[in-house]
């Protein structure tokens, strides 16, 4: 399902994920905090 939604990150080593409105558009964004790989904002 993650791949279909464009959220797949097989190289990621996730520590935490949070939903919040980071860009002020009243829609939730998904921010994934990774360990040794780059953090991702979806």
N, C-alpha and C. Protein backbone atom coordinates (compact mmCIF):
# COMPACT_ATOMS: atom_id res chain seq x y z
N UNK A 1 0.82 -1.18 0.00
CA UNK A 1 0.00 0.00 0.00
C UNK A 1 0.87 1.26 0.00
N UNK A 2 1.94 1.25 0.77
CA UNK A 2 2.82 2.42 0.82
C UNK A 2 3.38 2.74 -0.56
N UNK A 3 3.72 1.71 -1.30
CA UNK A 3 4.27 1.92 -2.65
C UNK A 3 3.23 2.55 -3.57
N UNK A 4 1.99 2.08 -3.48
CA UNK A 4 0.91 2.63 -4.31
C UNK A 4 0.65 4.10 -4.00
N UNK A 5 0.84 4.50 -2.74
CA UNK A 5 0.60 5.87 -2.32
C UNK A 5 1.82 6.78 -2.48
N UNK A 6 2.94 6.19 -2.92
CA UNK A 6 4.15 6.98 -3.09
C UNK A 6 4.89 7.25 -1.79
N UNK A 7 4.65 6.41 -0.78
CA UNK A 7 5.26 6.61 0.53
C UNK A 7 6.35 5.59 0.84
N UNK A 8 6.64 4.69 -0.07
CA UNK A 8 7.63 3.65 0.18
C UNK A 8 9.03 4.26 0.27
N UNK A 9 9.79 3.82 1.25
CA UNK A 9 11.17 4.28 1.42
C UNK A 9 11.98 3.09 1.94
N UNK A 10 12.32 2.14 1.06
CA UNK A 10 12.99 0.92 1.51
C UNK A 10 14.36 1.16 2.15
N UNK A 11 15.01 2.29 1.85
CA UNK A 11 16.31 2.58 2.45
C UNK A 11 16.18 3.26 3.81
N UNK A 12 14.98 3.69 4.15
CA UNK A 12 14.76 4.41 5.41
C UNK A 12 14.87 3.49 6.62
N UNK A 13 15.37 4.03 7.70
CA UNK A 13 15.44 3.34 8.98
C UNK A 13 14.66 4.18 9.97
N UNK A 14 13.35 4.05 9.92
CA UNK A 14 12.45 4.94 10.64
C UNK A 14 12.57 4.82 12.16
N UNK A 15 12.58 5.97 12.79
CA UNK A 15 12.55 6.06 14.25
C UNK A 15 11.17 6.49 14.73
N UNK A 16 10.57 7.42 13.99
CA UNK A 16 9.29 7.98 14.41
C UNK A 16 8.58 8.59 13.21
N UNK A 17 7.27 8.58 13.25
CA UNK A 17 6.46 9.24 12.22
C UNK A 17 5.42 10.10 12.92
N UNK A 18 5.16 11.26 12.35
CA UNK A 18 4.18 12.17 12.94
C UNK A 18 3.37 12.83 11.82
N UNK A 19 2.07 12.97 12.09
CA UNK A 19 1.19 13.72 11.19
C UNK A 19 0.98 15.10 11.78
N UNK A 20 1.27 16.14 11.01
CA UNK A 20 1.04 17.51 11.44
C UNK A 20 0.94 18.40 10.20
N UNK A 21 0.38 19.58 10.37
CA UNK A 21 0.25 20.52 9.25
C UNK A 21 1.47 21.42 9.23
N UNK A 22 2.48 21.04 8.49
CA UNK A 22 3.73 21.79 8.45
C UNK A 22 3.71 22.98 7.50
N UNK A 23 2.83 22.94 6.49
CA UNK A 23 2.81 24.02 5.51
C UNK A 23 1.60 24.95 5.63
N UNK A 24 0.79 24.76 6.66
CA UNK A 24 -0.32 25.67 6.93
C UNK A 24 -1.47 25.60 5.95
N UNK A 25 -1.63 24.46 5.24
CA UNK A 25 -2.72 24.35 4.27
C UNK A 25 -3.95 23.63 4.83
N UNK A 26 -3.99 23.40 6.14
CA UNK A 26 -5.09 22.73 6.85
C UNK A 26 -5.20 21.24 6.50
N UNK A 27 -4.18 20.68 5.83
CA UNK A 27 -4.12 19.24 5.56
C UNK A 27 -2.92 18.66 6.30
N UNK A 28 -3.08 17.44 6.80
CA UNK A 28 -1.98 16.82 7.54
C UNK A 28 -0.87 16.35 6.60
N UNK A 29 0.36 16.59 7.01
CA UNK A 29 1.55 16.12 6.31
C UNK A 29 2.14 14.98 7.14
N UNK A 30 2.86 14.08 6.50
CA UNK A 30 3.52 12.97 7.20
C UNK A 30 5.01 13.23 7.20
N UNK A 31 5.59 13.36 8.40
CA UNK A 31 7.03 13.54 8.55
C UNK A 31 7.60 12.29 9.19
N UNK A 32 8.58 11.67 8.54
CA UNK A 32 9.20 10.45 9.05
C UNK A 32 10.65 10.76 9.42
N UNK A 33 10.96 10.55 10.69
CA UNK A 33 12.31 10.76 11.21
C UNK A 33 13.06 9.44 11.10
N UNK A 34 14.16 9.44 10.34
CA UNK A 34 14.96 8.24 10.12
C UNK A 34 16.25 8.28 10.91
N UNK A 35 16.86 7.12 11.09
CA UNK A 35 18.09 7.01 11.88
C UNK A 35 19.31 7.42 11.05
N UNK A 36 19.76 6.57 10.16
CA UNK A 36 20.98 6.84 9.39
C UNK A 36 20.69 7.32 7.97
N UNK A 37 19.44 7.31 7.57
CA UNK A 37 19.08 7.79 6.24
C UNK A 37 18.37 9.14 6.36
N UNK A 38 18.17 9.80 5.24
CA UNK A 38 17.56 11.12 5.20
C UNK A 38 16.11 11.08 5.71
N UNK A 39 15.73 12.05 6.50
CA UNK A 39 14.34 12.18 6.94
C UNK A 39 13.47 12.47 5.73
N UNK A 40 12.18 12.14 5.82
CA UNK A 40 11.28 12.31 4.68
C UNK A 40 10.02 13.07 5.09
N UNK A 41 9.58 13.94 4.21
CA UNK A 41 8.32 14.65 4.38
C UNK A 41 7.41 14.29 3.21
N UNK A 42 6.24 13.77 3.55
CA UNK A 42 5.27 13.37 2.52
C UNK A 42 4.03 14.24 2.66
